[in-house]
C-alpha atoms as a PDB file:
ATOM      1  CA  MET A   1     -26.394   9.060   2.796  1.00  0.00           C
ATOM      2  CA  GLY A   2     -23.690   7.433   0.707  1.00  0.00           C
ATOM      3  CA  VAL A   3     -23.209   3.884  -0.435  1.00  0.00           C
ATOM      4  CA  THR A   4     -20.372   1.756   0.885  1.00  0.00           C
ATOM      5  CA  TYR A   5     -18.754  -1.022  -1.109  1.00  0.00           C
ATOM      6  CA  LYS A   6     -16.948  -3.969   0.446  1.00  0.00           C
ATOM      7  CA  TYR A   7     -14.908  -6.000  -2.014  1.00  0.00           C
ATOM      8  CA  PHE A   8     -14.130  -9.561  -1.028  1.00  0.00           C
ATOM      9  CA  GLY A   9     -13.137 -12.922  -2.400  1.00  0.00           C
ATOM     10  CA  ALA A  10     -15.190 -16.105  -2.412  1.00  0.00           C
ATOM     11  CA  PRO A  11     -14.757 -19.452  -4.168  1.00  0.00           C
ATOM     12  CA  ASP A  12     -18.163 -19.233  -5.871  1.00  0.00           C
ATOM     13  CA  GLY A  13     -21.406 -17.259  -6.118  1.00  0.00           C
ATOM     14  CA  ALA A  14     -23.275 -19.446  -3.621  1.00  0.00           C
ATOM     15  CA  THR A  15     -20.672 -18.742  -0.952  1.00  0.00           C
ATOM     16  CA  ALA A  16     -20.642 -15.050  -1.794  1.00  0.00           C
ATOM     17  CA  ALA A  17     -24.430 -14.867  -1.567  1.00  0.00           C
ATOM     18  CA  ARG A  18     -24.408 -16.361   1.940  1.00  0.00           C
ATOM     19  CA  VAL A  19     -21.726 -14.066   3.403  1.00  0.00           C
ATOM     20  CA  PRO A  20     -23.810 -10.962   4.176  1.00  0.00           C
ATOM     21  CA  ILE A  21     -26.669 -12.952   5.696  1.00  0.00           C
ATOM     22  CA  SER A  22     -24.489 -14.019   8.623  1.00  0.00           C
ATOM     23  CA  MET A  23     -23.190 -10.542   9.466  1.00  0.00           C
ATOM     24  CA  ARG A  24     -24.525  -7.027   9.331  1.00  0.00           C
ATOM     25  CA  PRO A  25     -22.560  -4.469   7.294  1.00  0.00           C
ATOM     26  CA  GLU A  26     -21.798  -2.266  10.309  1.00  0.00           C
ATOM     27  CA  GLU A  27     -20.052  -5.244  11.913  1.00  0.00           C
ATOM     28  CA  LEU A  28     -17.776  -5.931   8.972  1.00  0.00           C
ATOM     29  CA  GLY A  29     -14.118  -5.309   9.567  1.00  0.00           C
ATOM     30  CA  GLY A  30     -10.834  -6.547   8.224  1.00  0.00           C
ATOM     31  CA  ASP A  31     -10.989 -10.125   7.023  1.00  0.00           C
ATOM     32  CA  GLU A  32     -14.476 -11.365   7.891  1.00  0.00           C
ATOM     33  CA  LEU A  33     -15.387 -11.536   4.233  1.00  0.00           C
ATOM     34  CA  GLY A  34     -12.203 -13.349   3.341  1.00  0.00           C
ATOM     35  CA  MET A  35      -8.990 -12.474   1.602  1.00  0.00           C
ATOM     36  CA  GLY A  36      -8.473  -9.132   3.331  1.00  0.00           C
ATOM     37  CA  GLY A  37     -11.526  -7.478   1.835  1.00  0.00           C
ATOM     38  CA  MET A  38     -11.447  -3.795   0.953  1.00  0.00           C
ATOM     39  CA  PHE A  39     -13.885  -1.028   1.874  1.00  0.00           C
ATOM     40  CA  THR A  40     -14.201   1.842  -0.597  1.00  0.00           C
ATOM     41  CA  LYS A  41     -16.640   4.436  -1.906  1.00  0.00           C
ATOM     42  CA  ILE A  42     -15.746   3.532  -5.502  1.00  0.00           C
ATOM     43  CA  LYS A  43     -18.421   1.655  -7.442  1.00  0.00           C
ATOM     44  CA  PRO A  44     -17.588  -1.796  -8.811  1.00  0.00           C
ATOM     45  CA  GLU A  45     -18.570  -0.564 -12.294  1.00  0.00           C
ATOM     46  CA  THR A  46     -15.934   2.153 -11.995  1.00  0.00           C
ATOM     47  CA  VAL A  47     -13.260  -0.271 -10.849  1.00  0.00           C
ATOM     48  CA  ALA A  48     -14.069  -2.590 -13.768  1.00  0.00           C
ATOM     49  CA  ALA A  49     -13.896   0.286 -16.245  1.00  0.00           C
ATOM     50  CA  MET A  50     -10.689   1.658 -14.725  1.00  0.00           C
ATOM     51  CA  VAL A  51      -8.837  -1.651 -15.106  1.00  0.00           C
ATOM     52  CA  LEU A  52     -10.238  -2.682 -18.476  1.00  0.00           C
ATOM     53  CA  THR A  53      -9.904   0.747 -20.077  1.00  0.00           C
ATOM     54  CA  GLY A  54      -6.504   1.625 -18.614  1.00  0.00           C
ATOM     55  CA  ILE A  55      -4.745  -1.735 -18.691  1.00  0.00           C
ATOM     56  CA  GLN A  56      -6.582  -3.760 -21.331  1.00  0.00           C
ATOM     57  CA  GLY A  57      -7.327  -0.833 -23.655  1.00  0.00           C
ATOM     58  CA  ILE A  58     -11.016  -1.738 -23.898  1.00  0.00           C
ATOM     59  CA  PRO A  59     -13.244   1.219 -24.830  1.00  0.00           C
ATOM     60  CA  LEU A  60     -15.443   2.399 -21.981  1.00  0.00           C
ATOM     61  CA  HIS A  61     -18.648   1.384 -23.782  1.00  0.00           C
ATOM     62  CA  ARG A  62     -17.382  -2.224 -24.159  1.00  0.00           C
ATOM     63  CA  VAL A  63     -16.750  -2.897 -20.454  1.00  0.00           C
ATOM     64  CA  PRO A  64     -18.809  -5.995 -19.491  1.00  0.00           C
ATOM     65  CA  PRO A  65     -21.624  -5.664 -16.937  1.00  0.00           C
ATOM     66  CA  LEU A  66     -21.420  -6.940 -13.393  1.00  0.00           C
ATOM     67  CA  GLU A  67     -23.293 -10.099 -12.434  1.00  0.00           C
ATOM     68  CA  LEU A  68     -25.908  -9.760  -9.701  1.00  0.00           C
ATOM     69  CA  VAL A  69     -25.451 -12.590  -7.209  1.00  0.00           C
ATOM     70  CA  VAL A  70     -28.124 -11.665  -4.672  1.00  0.00           C
ATOM     71  CA  LEU A  71     -30.473  -8.722  -4.207  1.00  0.00           C
ATOM     72  CA  HIS A  72     -31.847  -8.228  -0.719  1.00  0.00           C
ATOM     73  CA  PRO A  73     -33.872  -5.234   0.562  1.00  0.00           C
ATOM     74  CA  ASP A  74     -30.879  -4.221   2.722  1.00  0.00           C
ATOM     75  CA  TYR A  75     -27.929  -5.088   0.473  1.00  0.00           C
ATOM     76  CA  ALA A  76     -26.781  -6.562  -2.817  1.00  0.00           C
ATOM     77  CA  VAL A  77     -23.845  -8.729  -3.821  1.00  0.00           C
ATOM     78  CA  VAL A  78     -22.361  -8.442  -7.308  1.00  0.00           C
ATOM     79  CA  LYS A  79     -19.596 -10.409  -9.010  1.00  0.00           C
ATOM     80  CA  LEU A  80     -16.880  -8.610 -10.916  1.00  0.00           C
ATOM     81  CA  PRO A  81     -15.826 -10.270 -14.178  1.00  0.00           C
ATOM     82  CA  MET A  82     -12.540 -12.209 -13.895  1.00  0.00           C
ATOM     83  CA  THR A  83     -11.316 -10.070 -16.773  1.00  0.00           C
ATOM     84  CA  VAL A  84     -11.208  -7.207 -14.265  1.00  0.00           C
ATOM     85  CA  VAL A  85      -9.058  -8.927 -11.661  1.00  0.00           C
ATOM     86  CA  ASP A  86      -6.738 -11.103 -13.754  1.00  0.00           C
ATOM     87  CA  PRO A  87      -5.010  -8.397 -15.849  1.00  0.00           C
ATOM     88  CA  LEU A  88      -3.695  -6.665 -12.733  1.00  0.00           C
ATOM     89  CA  ARG A  89      -1.570  -9.617 -11.629  1.00  0.00           C
ATOM     90  CA  GLY A  90       0.688  -9.629 -14.643  1.00  0.00           C
ATOM     91  CA  VAL A  91       1.436  -5.937 -15.109  1.00  0.00           C
ATOM     92  CA  GLY A  92       4.407  -3.982 -13.876  1.00  0.00           C
ATOM     93  CA  GLU A  93       4.872  -0.533 -12.442  1.00  0.00           C
ATOM     94  CA  GLU A  94       4.993   1.119 -15.851  1.00  0.00           C
ATOM     95  CA  SER A  95       1.642  -0.340 -16.900  1.00  0.00           C
ATOM     96  CA  VAL A  96      -0.020   0.690 -13.627  1.00  0.00           C
ATOM     97  CA  GLY A  97       1.278   4.243 -14.082  1.00  0.00           C
ATOM     98  CA  ALA A  98       0.119   4.329 -17.703  1.00  0.00           C
ATOM     99  CA  ALA A  99      -3.307   2.973 -16.740  1.00  0.00           C
ATOM    100  CA  ALA A 100      -3.656   5.647 -14.047  1.00  0.00           C
ATOM    101  CA  PHE A 101      -2.836   8.356 -16.575  1.00  0.00           C
ATOM    102  CA  ILE A 102      -5.185   6.913 -19.198  1.00  0.00           C
ATOM    103  CA  TRP A 103      -8.069   6.683 -16.722  1.00  0.00           C
ATOM    104  CA  SER A 104      -7.473  10.236 -15.510  1.00  0.00           C
ATOM    105  CA  THR A 105      -8.002  11.482 -19.079  1.00  0.00           C
ATOM    106  CA  VAL A 106     -11.073   9.394 -20.060  1.00  0.00           C
ATOM    107  CA  PRO A 107     -14.016  11.768 -20.617  1.00  0.00           C
ATOM    108  CA  ASP A 108     -17.559  11.190 -19.358  1.00  0.00           C
ATOM    109  CA  ARG A 109     -16.848   8.781 -16.560  1.00  0.00           C
ATOM    110  CA  GLY A 110     -17.145   8.676 -12.772  1.00  0.00           C
ATOM    111  CA  GLY A 111     -14.631   7.906 -10.081  1.00  0.00           C
ATOM    112  CA  PRO A 112     -11.323   9.449  -9.088  1.00  0.00           C
ATOM    113  CA  ARG A 113      -9.841  11.873 -11.602  1.00  0.00           C
ATOM    114  CA  ASP A 114      -6.397  12.564 -10.148  1.00  0.00           C
ATOM    115  CA  ALA A 115      -3.820  10.266 -11.774  1.00  0.00           C
ATOM    116  CA  PHE A 116      -1.912   9.725  -8.512  1.00  0.00           C
ATOM    117  CA  ASN A 117      -5.087   8.685  -6.660  1.00  0.00           C
ATOM    118  CA  VAL A 118      -5.922   6.277  -9.491  1.00  0.00           C
ATOM    119  CA  TYR A 119      -2.350   4.944  -9.360  1.00  0.00           C
ATOM    120  CA  GLN A 120      -2.650   4.226  -5.624  1.00  0.00           C
ATOM    121  CA  LEU A 121      -6.043   2.608  -6.103  1.00  0.00           C
ATOM    122  CA  LEU A 122      -4.759   0.355  -8.896  1.00  0.00           C
ATOM    123  CA  HIS A 123      -1.881  -0.750  -6.652  1.00  0.00           C
ATOM    124  CA  GLU A 124      -4.380  -1.693  -3.915  1.00  0.00           C
ATOM    125  CA  TRP A 125      -6.362  -3.637  -6.503  1.00  0.00           C
ATOM    126  CA  GLN A 126      -3.208  -5.293  -7.793  1.00  0.00           C
ATOM    127  CA  ASP A 127      -2.445  -6.573  -4.289  1.00  0.00           C
ATOM    128  CA  PHE A 128      -6.087  -7.654  -3.871  1.00  0.00           C
ATOM    129  CA  SER A 129      -5.995  -9.556  -7.177  1.00  0.00           C
ATOM    130  CA  HIS A 130      -2.882 -11.465  -6.051  1.00  0.00           C
ATOM    131  CA  ARG A 131      -4.578 -12.458  -2.774  1.00  0.00           C
ATOM    132  CA  LEU A 132      -7.705 -13.590  -4.647  1.00  0.00           C
ATOM    133  CA  HIS A 133      -5.679 -15.625  -7.137  1.00  0.00           C
ATOM    134  CA  ASP A 134      -3.590 -17.288  -4.413  1.00  0.00           C
ATOM    135  CA  ALA A 135      -6.773 -18.389  -2.636  1.00  0.00           C
ATOM    136  CA  GLY A 136      -8.510 -19.492  -5.856  1.00  0.00           C
ATOM    137  CA  HIS A 137     -11.258 -16.932  -5.250  1.00  0.00           C
ATOM    138  CA  GLN A 138     -13.280 -14.638  -7.482  1.00  0.00           C
ATOM    139  CA  ALA A 139     -13.972 -10.960  -6.785  1.00  0.00           C
ATOM    140  CA  TYR A 140     -17.325  -9.920  -5.322  1.00  0.00           C
ATOM    141  CA  CYS A 141     -18.708  -6.701  -3.945  1.00  0.00           C
ATOM    142  CA  LEU A 142     -21.169  -6.245  -1.095  1.00  0.00           C
ATOM    143  CA  VAL A 143     -23.150  -3.026  -1.564  1.00  0.00           C
ATOM    144  CA  TRP A 144     -25.268  -1.368   1.102  1.00  0.00           C
ATOM    145  CA  PRO A 145     -26.536   2.149   1.825  1.00  0.00           C
END
C-alpha cells in the first residue's frame, strides 16, 4: 500500500489542521482543500529539496524540515516552508529547466530522476505557488496511507 499526498493551501495552520477532519481522504477531489489542491505520490520532503536544491542552490543536507501541523492515527498534515513555494513564482523557463536538470543529477536522493518529468512537476508547482500567493495562503500537505 502506497502513501498519497494532497497538497493544498490554507491561510494558517489552524485552518489546515481542521481540513481533514471534515472530509475523508477517499472523498477528496479537485478543490475541496482550497486553491486547486494537487494529488501526487511525491513526498513533501522531496518537493522541498527539489525546489531549494535546483532553484535556490541550497545543498541537499541544508534543506529545512517540514513542520508537523497535526498528527492523527489516520492522517497527518505538514506545512512546507515558504522558502519552498516563494522561489517558484519569480523564475522563468530557463531557471525551471536548469532546476530540473540539476535535480536529475543530484546523487543519493529520492523522487523522479528523469529531467523532463522533474521539469513538468516544477511547472505544476510553479502554477500552484502562484495560486497560493494570490489567495494569501501557505502550502500544506495532507498525508494518508
